Amino acid sequence: MKPQCNLIVDSCCDLPMDMVIGEGIRLLQFPYILSDGTHYDDLFSTTTPKEFYDLMRRGEQPSTAQISVPYFQAAFEWAVQTGVPTVYLSFTAGLSGSFDTACLV
């Protein structure tokens, strides 16, 4: 059954993964950078919180980045192609420029 409304959320949404993988929901993963390269916040699907914080305890200093323009474009194009009204819930503009990037897209 086609959802009545799509939901686009970023990985700061604090929703459980079993909800985020539902039909009509699109997760935008914030990138974060570790010494071994760029990773994406997948709500601890590929690593555990303990593994992540153990890295920090050993001296790793992660940094973050905004969600990219092409990533937003792909998500919004997906929404348009479904033909279903869509709501985007963003991380606060006070802590990230991603909301402004989404508005530009």
PDB file of N, CA and C in Angstrom:
ATOM      1  N   MET A   1       0.841  -1.177   0.000  1.00  0.00           N
ATOM      2  CA  MET A   1       0.000   0.000   0.000  1.00  0.00           C
ATOM      3  C   MET A   1       0.891   1.247   0.000  1.00  0.00           C
ATOM      4  N   LYS A   2       0.574   2.178  -0.857  1.00  0.00           N
ATOM      5  CA  LYS A   2       1.336   3.420  -0.982  1.00  0.00           C
ATOM      6  C   LYS A   2       1.089   4.313   0.236  1.00  0.00           C
ATOM      7  N   PRO A   3       2.189   4.839   0.853  1.00  0.00           N
ATOM      8  CA  PRO A   3       1.980   5.714   2.010  1.00  0.00           C
ATOM      9  C   PRO A   3       1.262   6.998   1.609  1.00  0.00           C
ATOM     10  N   GLN A   4       0.532   7.589   2.550  1.00  0.00           N
ATOM     11  CA  GLN A   4      -0.175   8.840   2.296  1.00  0.00           C
ATOM     12  C   GLN A   4       0.755  10.035   2.381  1.00  0.00           C
ATOM     13  N   CYS A   5       1.896   9.841   3.039  1.00  0.00           N
ATOM     14  CA  CYS A   5       2.870  10.910   3.182  1.00  0.00           C
ATOM     15  C   CYS A   5       4.250  10.287   3.342  1.00  0.00           C
ATOM     16  N   ASN A   6       5.230  10.809   2.612  1.00  0.00           N
ATOM     17  CA  ASN A   6       6.613  10.393   2.799  1.00  0.00           C
ATOM     18  C   ASN A   6       7.224  11.213   3.922  1.00  0.00           C
ATOM     19  N   LEU A   7       8.282  10.667   4.505  1.00  0.00           N
ATOM     20  CA  LEU A   7       9.018  11.362   5.548  1.00  0.00           C
ATOM     21  C   LEU A   7      10.503  11.264   5.229  1.00  0.00           C
ATOM     22  N   ILE A   8      11.148  12.413   5.125  1.00  0.00           N
ATOM     23  CA  ILE A   8      12.599  12.463   4.971  1.00  0.00           C
ATOM     24  C   ILE A   8      13.152  12.990   6.285  1.00  0.00           C
ATOM     25  N   VAL A   9      14.079  12.238   6.875  1.00  0.00           N
ATOM     26  CA  VAL A   9      14.705  12.631   8.137  1.00  0.00           C
ATOM     27  C   VAL A   9      16.213  12.499   7.986  1.00  0.00           C
ATOM     28  N   ASP A  10      16.939  13.253   8.792  1.00  0.00           N
ATOM     29  CA  ASP A  10      18.378  13.050   8.799  1.00  0.00           C
ATOM     30  C   ASP A  10      18.747  12.195  10.003  1.00  0.00           C
ATOM     31  N   SER A  11      20.001  11.815  10.063  1.00  0.00           N
ATOM     32  CA  SER A  11      20.410  10.855  11.083  1.00  0.00           C
ATOM     33  C   SER A  11      20.471  11.437  12.491  1.00  0.00           C
ATOM     34  N   CYS A  12      20.060  12.669  12.674  1.00  0.00           N
ATOM     35  CA  CYS A  12      19.911  13.238  14.024  1.00  0.00           C
ATOM     36  C   CYS A  12      18.483  13.082  14.519  1.00  0.00           C
ATOM     37  N   CYS A  13      17.692  12.270  13.853  1.00  0.00           N
ATOM     38  CA  CYS A  13      16.259  12.168  14.128  1.00  0.00           C
ATOM     39  C   CYS A  13      15.912  11.437  15.416  1.00  0.00           C
ATOM     40  N   ASP A  14      16.815  10.655  15.962  1.00  0.00           N
ATOM     41  CA  ASP A  14      16.553   9.886  17.181  1.00  0.00           C
ATOM     42  C   ASP A  14      15.397   8.901  17.027  1.00  0.00           C
ATOM     43  N   LEU A  15      15.185   8.414  15.834  1.00  0.00           N
ATOM     44  CA  LEU A  15      14.190   7.365  15.611  1.00  0.00           C
ATOM     45  C   LEU A  15      14.899   6.017  15.581  1.00  0.00           C
ATOM     46  N   PRO A  16      14.237   4.953  16.016  1.00  0.00           N
ATOM     47  CA  PRO A  16      14.855   3.637  15.926  1.00  0.00           C
ATOM     48  C   PRO A  16      14.950   3.185  14.466  1.00  0.00           C
ATOM     49  N   MET A  17      15.985   2.418  14.164  1.00  0.00           N
ATOM     50  CA  MET A  17      16.209   1.977  12.786  1.00  0.00           C
ATOM     51  C   MET A  17      15.020   1.198  12.230  1.00  0.00           C
ATOM     52  N   ASP A  18      14.331   0.405  13.037  1.00  0.00           N
ATOM     53  CA  ASP A  18      13.197  -0.351  12.501  1.00  0.00           C
ATOM     54  C   ASP A  18      12.075   0.566  12.025  1.00  0.00           C
ATOM     55  N   MET A  19      11.998   1.770  12.555  1.00  0.00           N
ATOM     56  CA  MET A  19      11.019   2.741  12.071  1.00  0.00           C
ATOM     57  C   MET A  19      11.546   3.436  10.810  1.00  0.00           C
ATOM     58  N   VAL A  20      12.814   3.758  10.804  1.00  0.00           N
ATOM     59  CA  VAL A  20      13.409   4.513   9.691  1.00  0.00           C
ATOM     60  C   VAL A  20      13.413   3.710   8.398  1.00  0.00           C
ATOM     61  N   ILE A  21      13.448   2.387   8.486  1.00  0.00           N
ATOM     62  CA  ILE A  21      13.495   1.581   7.263  1.00  0.00           C
ATOM     63  C   ILE A  21      12.104   1.302   6.700  1.00  0.00           C
ATOM     64  N   GLY A  22      11.100   1.922   7.270  1.00  0.00           N
ATOM     65  CA  GLY A  22       9.736   1.719   6.794  1.00  0.00           C
ATOM     66  C   GLY A  22       9.491   2.326   5.413  1.00  0.00           C
ATOM     67  N   GLU A  23       8.456   1.851   4.772  1.00  0.00           N
ATOM     68  CA  GLU A  23       8.099   2.362   3.454  1.00  0.00           C
ATOM     69  C   GLU A  23       7.730   3.837   3.543  1.00  0.00           C
ATOM     70  N   GLY A  24       8.221   4.607   2.587  1.00  0.00           N
ATOM     71  CA  GLY A  24       7.913   6.030   2.542  1.00  0.00           C
ATOM     72  C   GLY A  24       8.809   6.873   3.429  1.00  0.00           C
ATOM     73  N   ILE A  25       9.832   6.259   4.020  1.00  0.00           N
ATOM     74  CA  ILE A  25      10.757   7.002   4.876  1.00  0.00           C
ATOM     75  C   ILE A  25      12.147   6.957   4.259  1.00  0.00           C
ATOM     76  N   ARG A  26      12.786   8.097   4.215  1.00  0.00           N
ATOM     77  CA  ARG A  26      14.135   8.194   3.649  1.00  0.00           C
ATOM     78  C   ARG A  26      15.058   8.810   4.696  1.00  0.00           C
ATOM     79  N   LEU A  27      16.148   8.113   5.001  1.00  0.00           N
ATOM     80  CA  LEU A  27      17.129   8.578   5.979  1.00  0.00           C
ATOM     81  C   LEU A  27      18.303   9.225   5.261  1.00  0.00           C
ATOM     82  N   LEU A  28      18.597  10.463   5.627  1.00  0.00           N
ATOM     83  CA  LEU A  28      19.780  11.154   5.124  1.00  0.00           C
ATOM     84  C   LEU A  28      20.858  11.037   6.195  1.00  0.00           C
ATOM     85  N   GLN A  29      21.971  10.421   5.836  1.00  0.00           N
ATOM     86  CA  GLN A  29      23.017  10.127   6.801  1.00  0.00           C
ATOM     87  C   GLN A  29      24.063  11.244   6.829  1.00  0.00           C
ATOM     88  N   PHE A  30      24.228  11.846   8.005  1.00  0.00           N
ATOM     89  CA  PHE A  30      25.280  12.843   8.160  1.00  0.00           C
ATOM     90  C   PHE A  30      26.640  12.169   8.029  1.00  0.00           C
ATOM     91  N   PRO A  31      27.561  12.792   7.299  1.00  0.00           N
ATOM     92  CA  PRO A  31      28.914  12.248   7.237  1.00  0.00           C
ATOM     93  C   PRO A  31      29.715  12.649   8.479  1.00  0.00           C
ATOM     94  N   TYR A  32      30.621  11.767   8.862  1.00  0.00           N
ATOM     95  CA  TYR A  32      31.598  12.103   9.894  1.00  0.00           C
ATOM     96  C   TYR A  32      32.946  11.536   9.468  1.00  0.00           C
ATOM     97  N   ILE A  33      33.986  12.201   9.868  1.00  0.00           N
ATOM     98  CA  ILE A  33      35.329  11.871   9.389  1.00  0.00           C
ATOM     99  C   ILE A  33      36.168  11.353  10.551  1.00  0.00           C
ATOM    100  N   LEU A  34      36.776  10.199  10.326  1.00  0.00           N
ATOM    101  CA  LEU A  34      37.731   9.613  11.254  1.00  0.00           C
ATOM    102  C   LEU A  34      39.081   9.547  10.550  1.00  0.00           C
ATOM    103  N   SER A  35      40.098   9.148  11.251  1.00  0.00           N
ATOM    104  CA  SER A  35      41.438   9.099  10.656  1.00  0.00           C
ATOM    105  C   SER A  35      41.516   8.154   9.462  1.00  0.00           C
ATOM    106  N   ASP A  36      40.618   7.178   9.382  1.00  0.00           N
ATOM    107  CA  ASP A  36      40.636   6.244   8.252  1.00  0.00           C
ATOM    108  C   ASP A  36      39.719   6.669   7.103  1.00  0.00           C
ATOM    109  N   GLY A  37      39.089   7.852   7.210  1.00  0.00           N
ATOM    110  CA  GLY A  37      38.259   8.347   6.110  1.00  0.00           C
ATOM    111  C   GLY A  37      36.864   8.753   6.545  1.00  0.00           C
ATOM    112  N   THR A  38      36.012   8.958   5.563  1.00  0.00           N
ATOM    113  CA  THR A  38      34.644   9.416   5.793  1.00  0.00           C
ATOM    114  C   THR A  38      33.730   8.226   6.045  1.00  0.00           C
ATOM    115  N   HIS A  39      32.876   8.381   7.028  1.00  0.00           N
ATOM    116  CA  HIS A  39      31.859   7.390   7.376  1.00  0.00           C
ATOM    117  C   HIS A  39      30.514   8.113   7.362  1.00  0.00           C
ATOM    118  N   TYR A  40      29.431   7.339   7.446  1.00  0.00           N
ATOM    119  CA  TYR A  40      28.098   7.934   7.440  1.00  0.00           C
ATOM    120  C   TYR A  40      27.296   7.417   8.618  1.00  0.00           C
ATOM    121  N   ASP A  41      26.611   8.336   9.294  1.00  0.00           N
ATOM    122  CA  ASP A  41      25.817   7.994  10.463  1.00  0.00           C
ATOM    123  C   ASP A  41      24.605   7.174  10.030  1.00  0.00           C
ATOM    124  N   ASP A  42      24.692   5.876  10.248  1.00  0.00           N
ATOM    125  CA  ASP A  42      23.601   4.974   9.879  1.00  0.00           C
ATOM    126  C   ASP A  42      22.870   4.468  11.117  1.00  0.00           C
ATOM    127  N   LEU A  43      22.837   5.314  12.145  1.00  0.00           N
ATOM    128  CA  LEU A  43      22.135   5.002  13.390  1.00  0.00           C
ATOM    129  C   LEU A  43      22.665   3.715  14.018  1.00  0.00           C
ATOM    130  N   PHE A  44      23.982   3.559  13.962  1.00  0.00           N
ATOM    131  CA  PHE A  44      24.694   2.422  14.553  1.00  0.00           C
ATOM    132  C   PHE A  44      24.285   1.080  13.957  1.00  0.00           C
ATOM    133  N   SER A  45      24.003   1.063  12.660  1.00  0.00           N
ATOM    134  CA  SER A  45      23.709  -0.195  11.983  1.00  0.00           C
ATOM    135  C   SER A  45      24.982  -0.967  11.639  1.00  0.00           C
ATOM    136  N   THR A  46      26.070  -0.247  11.352  1.00  0.00           N
ATOM    137  CA  THR A  46      27.310  -0.913  10.958  1.00  0.00           C
ATOM    138  C   THR A  46      28.366  -0.916  12.055  1.00  0.00           C
ATOM    139  N   THR A  47      28.139  -0.195  13.108  1.00  0.00           N
ATOM    140  CA  THR A  47      29.025  -0.185  14.266  1.00  0.00           C
ATOM    141  C   THR A  47      28.168   0.013  15.500  1.00  0.00           C
ATOM    142  N   THR A  48      28.701  -0.340  16.632  1.00  0.00           N
ATOM    143  CA  THR A  48      27.929  -0.152  17.861  1.00  0.00           C
ATOM    144  C   THR A  48      28.355   1.156  18.519  1.00  0.00           C
ATOM    145  N   PRO A  49      27.501   1.702  19.375  1.00  0.00           N
ATOM    146  CA  PRO A  49      27.918   2.891  20.115  1.00  0.00           C
ATOM    147  C   PRO A  49      29.212   2.636  20.906  1.00  0.00           C
ATOM    148  N   LYS A  50      29.333   1.453  21.495  1.00  0.00           N
ATOM    149  CA  LYS A  50      30.540   1.141  22.265  1.00  0.00           C
ATOM    150  C   LYS A  50      31.777   1.182  21.377  1.00  0.00           C
ATOM    151  N   GLU A  51      31.701   0.607  20.179  1.00  0.00           N
ATOM    152  CA  GLU A  51      32.855   0.633  19.264  1.00  0.00           C
ATOM    153  C   GLU A  51      33.227   2.072  18.896  1.00  0.00           C
ATOM    154  N   PHE A  52      32.217   2.884  18.610  1.00  0.00           N
ATOM    155  CA  PHE A  52      32.461   4.276  18.237  1.00  0.00           C
ATOM    156  C   PHE A  52      33.132   5.038  19.384  1.00  0.00           C
ATOM    157  N   TYR A  53      32.572   4.927  20.567  1.00  0.00           N
ATOM    158  CA  TYR A  53      33.116   5.676  21.701  1.00  0.00           C
ATOM    159  C   TYR A  53      34.447   5.109  22.179  1.00  0.00           C
ATOM    160  N   ASP A  54      34.681   3.815  21.984  1.00  0.00           N
ATOM    161  CA  ASP A  54      35.999   3.249  22.284  1.00  0.00           C
ATOM    162  C   ASP A  54      37.075   3.879  21.401  1.00  0.00           C
ATOM    163  N   LEU A  55      36.736   4.144  20.133  1.00  0.00           N
ATOM    164  CA  LEU A  55      37.678   4.838  19.253  1.00  0.00           C
ATOM    165  C   LEU A  55      38.043   6.204  19.829  1.00  0.00           C
ATOM    166  N   MET A  56      37.056   6.913  20.330  1.00  0.00           N
ATOM    167  CA  MET A  56      37.313   8.231  20.913  1.00  0.00           C
ATOM    168  C   MET A  56      38.154   8.108  22.188  1.00  0.00           C
ATOM    169  N   ARG A  57      37.889   7.086  22.980  1.00  0.00           N
ATOM    170  CA  ARG A  57      38.673   6.885  24.203  1.00  0.00           C
ATOM    171  C   ARG A  57      40.143   6.603  23.877  1.00  0.00           C
ATOM    172  N   ARG A  58      40.381   6.018  22.697  1.00  0.00           N
ATOM    173  CA  ARG A  58      41.751   5.726  22.261  1.00  0.00           C
ATOM    174  C   ARG A  58      42.393   6.913  21.525  1.00  0.00           C
ATOM    175  N   GLY A  59      41.690   8.050  21.498  1.00  0.00           N
ATOM    176  CA  GLY A  59      42.291   9.256  20.924  1.00  0.00           C
ATOM    177  C   GLY A  59      41.725   9.709  19.594  1.00  0.00           C
ATOM    178  N   GLU A  60      40.830   8.938  19.001  1.00  0.00           N
ATOM    179  CA  GLU A  60      40.216   9.354  17.729  1.00  0.00           C
ATOM    180  C   GLU A  60      39.405  10.624  17.974  1.00  0.00           C
ATOM    181  N   GLN A  61      39.511  11.577  17.049  1.00  0.00           N
ATOM    182  CA  GLN A  61      38.769  12.831  17.165  1.00  0.00           C
ATOM    183  C   GLN A  61      37.898  13.023  15.921  1.00  0.00           C
ATOM    184  N   PRO A  62      36.686  12.473  15.944  1.00  0.00           N
ATOM    185  CA  PRO A  62      35.821  12.599  14.769  1.00  0.00           C
ATOM    186  C   PRO A  62      35.406  14.047  14.531  1.00  0.00           C
ATOM    187  N   SER A  63      35.239  14.373  13.273  1.00  0.00           N
ATOM    188  CA  SER A  63      34.663  15.660  12.904  1.00  0.00           C
ATOM    189  C   SER A  63      33.456  15.374  12.019  1.00  0.00           C
ATOM    190  N   THR A  64      32.629  16.372  11.863  1.00  0.00           N
ATOM    191  CA  THR A  64      31.404  16.166  11.097  1.00  0.00           C
ATOM    192  C   THR A  64      31.370  17.081   9.879  1.00  0.00           C
ATOM    193  N   ALA A  65      30.456  16.790   8.998  1.00  0.00           N
ATOM    194  CA  ALA A  65      30.253  17.606   7.800  1.00  0.00           C
ATOM    195  C   ALA A  65      28.751  17.688   7.540  1.00  0.00           C
ATOM    196  N   GLN A  66      28.381  18.612   6.690  1.00  0.00           N
ATOM    197  CA  GLN A  66      26.975  18.752   6.309  1.00  0.00           C
ATOM    198  C   GLN A  66      26.600  17.683   5.290  1.00  0.00           C
ATOM    199  N   ILE A  67      25.311  17.465   5.191  1.00  0.00           N
ATOM    200  CA  ILE A  67      24.793  16.615   4.123  1.00  0.00           C
ATOM    201  C   ILE A  67      24.993  17.365   2.813  1.00  0.00           C
ATOM    202  N   SER A  68      25.445  16.670   1.792  1.00  0.00           N
ATOM    203  CA  SER A  68      25.809  17.326   0.536  1.00  0.00           C
ATOM    204  C   SER A  68      24.592  17.687  -0.325  1.00  0.00           C
ATOM    205  N   VAL A  69      24.801  18.643  -1.206  1.00  0.00           N
ATOM    206  CA  VAL A  69      23.754  19.059  -2.145  1.00  0.00           C
ATOM    207  C   VAL A  69      23.267  17.882  -2.994  1.00  0.00           C
ATOM    208  N   PRO A  70      24.161  17.084  -3.613  1.00  0.00           N
ATOM    209  CA  PRO A  70      23.666  15.955  -4.416  1.00  0.00           C
ATOM    210  C   PRO A  70      22.839  14.947  -3.607  1.00  0.00           C
ATOM    211  N   TYR A  71      23.210  14.746  -2.343  1.00  0.00           N
ATOM    212  CA  TYR A  71      22.469  13.818  -1.486  1.00  0.00           C
ATOM    213  C   TYR A  71      21.050  14.343  -1.238  1.00  0.00           C
ATOM    214  N   PHE A  72      20.939  15.645  -0.948  1.00  0.00           N
ATOM    215  CA  PHE A  72      19.614  16.261  -0.802  1.00  0.00           C
ATOM    216  C   PHE A  72      18.826  16.168  -2.109  1.00  0.00           C
ATOM    217  N   GLN A  73      19.487  16.468  -3.224  1.00  0.00           N
ATOM    218  CA  GLN A  73      18.795  16.421  -4.516  1.00  0.00           C
ATOM    219  C   GLN A  73      18.221  15.036  -4.778  1.00  0.00           C
ATOM    220  N   ALA A  74      18.994  14.013  -4.512  1.00  0.00           N
ATOM    221  CA  ALA A  74      18.516  12.645  -4.746  1.00  0.00           C
ATOM    222  C   ALA A  74      17.308  12.329  -3.862  1.00  0.00           C
ATOM    223  N   ALA A  75      17.348  12.743  -2.617  1.00  0.00           N
ATOM    224  CA  ALA A  75      16.233  12.476  -1.705  1.00  0.00           C
ATOM    225  C   ALA A  75      14.977  13.225  -2.134  1.00  0.00           C
ATOM    226  N   PHE A  76      15.136  14.492  -2.496  1.00  0.00           N
ATOM    227  CA  PHE A  76      13.974  15.285  -2.893  1.00  0.00           C
ATOM    228  C   PHE A  76      13.422  14.822  -4.246  1.00  0.00           C
ATOM    229  N   GLU A  77      14.294  14.394  -5.152  1.00  0.00           N
ATOM    230  CA  GLU A  77      13.821  13.847  -6.430  1.00  0.00           C
ATOM    231  C   GLU A  77      13.046  12.550  -6.200  1.00  0.00           C
ATOM    232  N   TRP A  78      13.534  11.717  -5.271  1.00  0.00           N
ATOM    233  CA  TRP A  78      12.805  10.501  -4.903  1.00  0.00           C
ATOM    234  C   TRP A  78      11.394  10.868  -4.451  1.00  0.00           C
ATOM    235  N   ALA A  79      11.287  11.879  -3.601  1.00  0.00           N
ATOM    236  CA  ALA A  79       9.985  12.292  -3.080  1.00  0.00           C
ATOM    237  C   ALA A  79       9.060  12.747  -4.204  1.00  0.00           C
ATOM    238  N   VAL A  80       9.592  13.537  -5.111  1.00  0.00           N
ATOM    239  CA  VAL A  80       8.786  14.027  -6.234  1.00  0.00           C
ATOM    240  C   VAL A  80       8.316  12.858  -7.100  1.00  0.00           C
ATOM    241  N   GLN A  81       9.203  11.925  -7.361  1.00  0.00           N
ATOM    242  CA  GLN A  81       8.860  10.785  -8.215  1.00  0.00           C
ATOM    243  C   GLN A  81       7.790   9.888  -7.605  1.00  0.00           C
ATOM    244  N   THR A  82       7.691   9.859  -6.287  1.00  0.00           N
ATOM    245  CA  THR A  82       6.648   9.039  -5.669  1.00  0.00           C
ATOM    246  C   THR A  82       5.264   9.651  -5.856  1.00  0.00           C
ATOM    247  N   GLY A  83       5.217  10.968  -6.066  1.00  0.00           N
ATOM    248  CA  GLY A  83       3.933  11.630  -6.228  1.00  0.00           C
ATOM    249  C   GLY A  83       3.140  11.757  -4.930  1.00  0.00           C
ATOM    250  N   VAL A  84       3.820  11.571  -3.812  1.00  0.00           N
ATOM    251  CA  VAL A  84       3.168  11.611  -2.496  1.00  0.00           C
ATOM    252  C   VAL A  84       3.670  12.846  -1.754  1.00  0.00           C
ATOM    253  N   PRO A  85       2.797  13.562  -1.048  1.00  0.00           N
ATOM    254  CA  PRO A  85       3.283  14.695  -0.244  1.00  0.00           C
ATOM    255  C   PRO A  85       4.391  14.220   0.699  1.00  0.00           C
ATOM    256  N   THR A  86       5.360  15.091   0.926  1.00  0.00           N
ATOM    257  CA  THR A  86       6.534  14.703   1.714  1.00  0.00           C
ATOM    258  C   THR A  86       6.854  15.769   2.747  1.00  0.00           C
ATOM    259  N   VAL A  87       7.241  15.314   3.919  1.00  0.00           N
ATOM    260  CA  VAL A  87       7.683  16.183   5.004  1.00  0.00           C
ATOM    261  C   VAL A  87       9.163  15.899   5.232  1.00  0.00           C
ATOM    262  N   TYR A  88       9.946  16.967   5.353  1.00  0.00           N
ATOM    263  CA  TYR A  88      11.355  16.821   5.701  1.00  0.00           C
ATOM    264  C   TYR A  88      11.561  17.386   7.099  1.00  0.00           C
ATOM    265  N   LEU A  89      12.043  16.548   8.008  1.00  0.00           N
ATOM    266  CA  LEU A  89      12.367  16.971   9.368  1.00  0.00           C
ATOM    267  C   LEU A  89      13.871  17.080   9.473  1.00  0.00           C
ATOM    268  N   SER A  90      14.349  18.281   9.719  1.00  0.00           N
ATOM    269  CA  SER A  90      15.777  18.584   9.702  1.00  0.00           C
ATOM    270  C   SER A  90      16.343  18.726  11.103  1.00  0.00           C
ATOM    271  N   PHE A  91      17.636  18.450  11.194  1.00  0.00           N
ATOM    272  CA  PHE A  91      18.397  18.797  12.385  1.00  0.00           C
ATOM    273  C   PHE A  91      18.361  20.318  12.520  1.00  0.00           C
ATOM    274  N   THR A  92      18.450  20.824  13.716  1.00  0.00           N
ATOM    275  CA  THR A  92      18.320  22.249  13.961  1.00  0.00           C
ATOM    276  C   THR A  92      19.311  23.101  13.156  1.00  0.00           C
ATOM    277  N   ALA A  93      18.808  24.169  12.600  1.00  0.00           N
ATOM    278  CA  ALA A  93      19.657  25.101  11.847  1.00  0.00           C
ATOM    279  C   ALA A  93      20.648  25.813  12.754  1.00  0.00           C
ATOM    280  N   GLY A  94      20.405  25.782  14.053  1.00  0.00           N
ATOM    281  CA  GLY A  94      21.311  26.409  14.998  1.00  0.00           C
ATOM    282  C   GLY A  94      22.608  25.645  15.196  1.00  0.00           C
ATOM    283  N   LEU A  95      22.627  24.371  14.818  1.00  0.00           N
ATOM    284  CA  LEU A  95      23.822  23.539  14.998  1.00  0.00           C
ATOM    285  C   LEU A  95      24.415  23.017  13.696  1.00  0.00           C
ATOM    286  N   SER A  96      23.704  23.181  12.604  1.00  0.00           N
ATOM    287  CA  SER A  96      24.191  22.667  11.320  1.00  0.00           C
ATOM    288  C   SER A  96      23.685  23.539  10.181  1.00  0.00           C
ATOM    289  N   GLY A  97      24.462  23.630   9.149  1.00  0.00           N
ATOM    290  CA  GLY A  97      24.046  24.355   7.948  1.00  0.00           C
ATOM    291  C   GLY A  97      23.236  23.500   7.000  1.00  0.00           C
ATOM    292  N   SER A  98      22.978  22.240   7.365  1.00  0.00           N
ATOM    293  CA  SER A  98      22.255  21.352   6.456  1.00  0.00           C
ATOM    294  C   SER A  98      20.840  21.825   6.159  1.00  0.00           C
ATOM    295  N   PHE A  99      20.185  22.442   7.124  1.00  0.00           N
ATOM    296  CA  PHE A  99      18.836  22.963   6.873  1.00  0.00           C
ATOM    297  C   PHE A  99      18.879  24.016   5.769  1.00  0.00           C
ATOM    298  N   ASP A 100      19.860  24.918   5.841  1.00  0.00           N
ATOM    299  CA  ASP A 100      19.987  25.942   4.798  1.00  0.00           C
ATOM    300  C   ASP A 100      20.282  25.312   3.451  1.00  0.00           C
ATOM    301  N   THR A 101      21.112  24.279   3.438  1.00  0.00           N
ATOM    302  CA  THR A 101      21.411  23.584   2.185  1.00  0.00           C
ATOM    303  C   THR A 101      20.134  22.950   1.625  1.00  0.00           C
ATOM    304  N   ALA A 102      19.342  22.332   2.489  1.00  0.00           N
ATOM    305  CA  ALA A 102      18.078  21.738   2.035  1.00  0.00           C
ATOM    306  C   ALA A 102      17.156  22.796   1.439  1.00  0.00           C
ATOM    307  N   CYS A 103      17.096  23.961   2.054  1.00  0.00           N
ATOM    308  CA  CYS A 103      16.257  25.043   1.527  1.00  0.00           C
ATOM    309  C   CYS A 103      16.750  25.496   0.161  1.00  0.00           C
ATOM    310  N   LEU A 104      18.055  25.547  -0.032  1.00  0.00           N
ATOM    311  CA  LEU A 104      18.609  25.938  -1.334  1.00  0.00           C
ATOM    312  C   LEU A 104      18.272  24.910  -2.412  1.00  0.00           C
ATOM    313  N   VAL A 105      18.307  23.646  -2.041  1.00  0.00           N
ATOM    314  CA  VAL A 105      18.006  22.580  -3.003  1.00  0.00           C
ATOM    315  C   VAL A 105      16.531  22.606  -3.331  1.00  0.00           C
TER     316      VAL A 105
END
